[in-house]
Amino acid sequence: MSNPPDVQPPDVQRALDHCMTNIKGASEAMADDMYDAAMRLGAAEMMLASASYAVHKHAAQLTQAQSGT
């Protein structure tokens, strides 16, 4: 079954790639600057939460579209 035209899948892969970039940058910065590392990890945590929310929201929209509500 295909997605209804008004329900677009979230760009989760792009968000996860961005998170991984921040996590890698944080690990590299860890030895030099603990504050910068903590900020990068915090940013990655927020992006992962946002991606998780987008996936759950999209799944709910698909479920609603499939059930006809």
Protein backbone atom coordinates (compact mmCIF):
# COMPACT_ATOMS: atom_id res chain seq x y z
CA MET A 1 0.00 0.00 0.00
CA SER A 2 1.41 3.41 -0.92
CA ASN A 3 1.46 6.51 1.25
CA PRO A 4 -1.35 9.00 0.76
CA PRO A 5 -0.03 12.05 -1.16
CA ASP A 6 -0.38 14.37 1.86
CA VAL A 7 1.67 12.09 4.17
CA GLN A 8 5.39 12.43 3.45
CA PRO A 9 7.96 10.27 5.25
CA PRO A 10 10.33 12.23 7.52
CA ASP A 11 13.92 12.65 6.44
CA VAL A 12 15.17 10.52 9.30
CA GLN A 13 18.36 9.37 7.59
CA ARG A 14 19.55 12.96 7.16
CA ALA A 15 18.84 13.69 10.83
CA LEU A 16 20.65 10.55 11.97
CA ASP A 17 23.65 11.36 9.77
CA HIS A 18 23.78 14.83 11.31
CA CYS A 19 23.62 13.29 14.79
CA MET A 20 26.48 10.94 14.00
CA THR A 21 28.55 13.85 12.71
CA ASN A 22 27.98 15.69 15.99
CA ILE A 23 28.80 12.60 18.04
CA LYS A 24 32.05 12.04 16.12
CA GLY A 25 32.94 15.71 16.47
CA ALA A 26 32.24 15.50 20.18
CA SER A 27 34.54 12.54 20.62
CA GLU A 28 37.32 14.39 18.76
CA ALA A 29 36.77 17.53 20.82
CA MET A 30 36.64 15.62 24.12
CA ALA A 31 40.39 15.73 24.69
CA ASP A 32 40.65 19.43 23.85
CA ASP A 33 37.50 21.00 25.18
CA MET A 34 35.05 19.29 27.50
CA TYR A 35 32.53 22.12 27.20
CA ASP A 36 32.42 21.92 23.41
CA ALA A 37 32.09 18.15 23.62
CA ALA A 38 29.17 18.42 26.04
CA MET A 39 27.42 20.96 23.81
CA ARG A 40 27.84 18.73 20.74
CA LEU A 41 26.52 15.70 22.60
CA GLY A 42 23.57 17.74 23.86
CA ALA A 43 22.79 18.86 20.32
CA ALA A 44 22.99 15.26 19.08
CA GLU A 45 20.63 14.17 21.87
CA MET A 46 18.05 16.79 20.86
CA MET A 47 18.30 15.80 17.19
CA LEU A 48 17.78 12.14 18.05
CA ALA A 49 14.72 13.04 20.11
CA SER A 50 13.39 15.08 17.20
CA ALA A 51 13.97 12.24 14.75
CA SER A 52 12.26 9.81 17.10
CA TYR A 53 9.26 12.12 17.37
CA ALA A 54 9.11 12.43 13.56
CA VAL A 55 9.15 8.64 13.14
CA HIS A 56 6.37 8.15 15.71
CA LYS A 57 4.29 10.94 14.21
CA HIS A 58 4.70 9.49 10.72
CA ALA A 59 3.77 6.01 11.97
CA ALA A 60 0.62 7.43 13.59
CA GLN A 61 -0.32 9.21 10.36
CA LEU A 62 0.14 6.00 8.38
CA THR A 63 -1.95 4.06 10.88
CA GLN A 64 -4.72 6.67 10.68
CA ALA A 65 -4.58 6.73 6.88
CA GLN A 66 -4.77 2.94 6.70
CA SER A 67 -7.69 2.76 9.12
CA GLY A 68 -9.54 5.49 7.22
CA THR A 69 -9.88 7.95 10.11
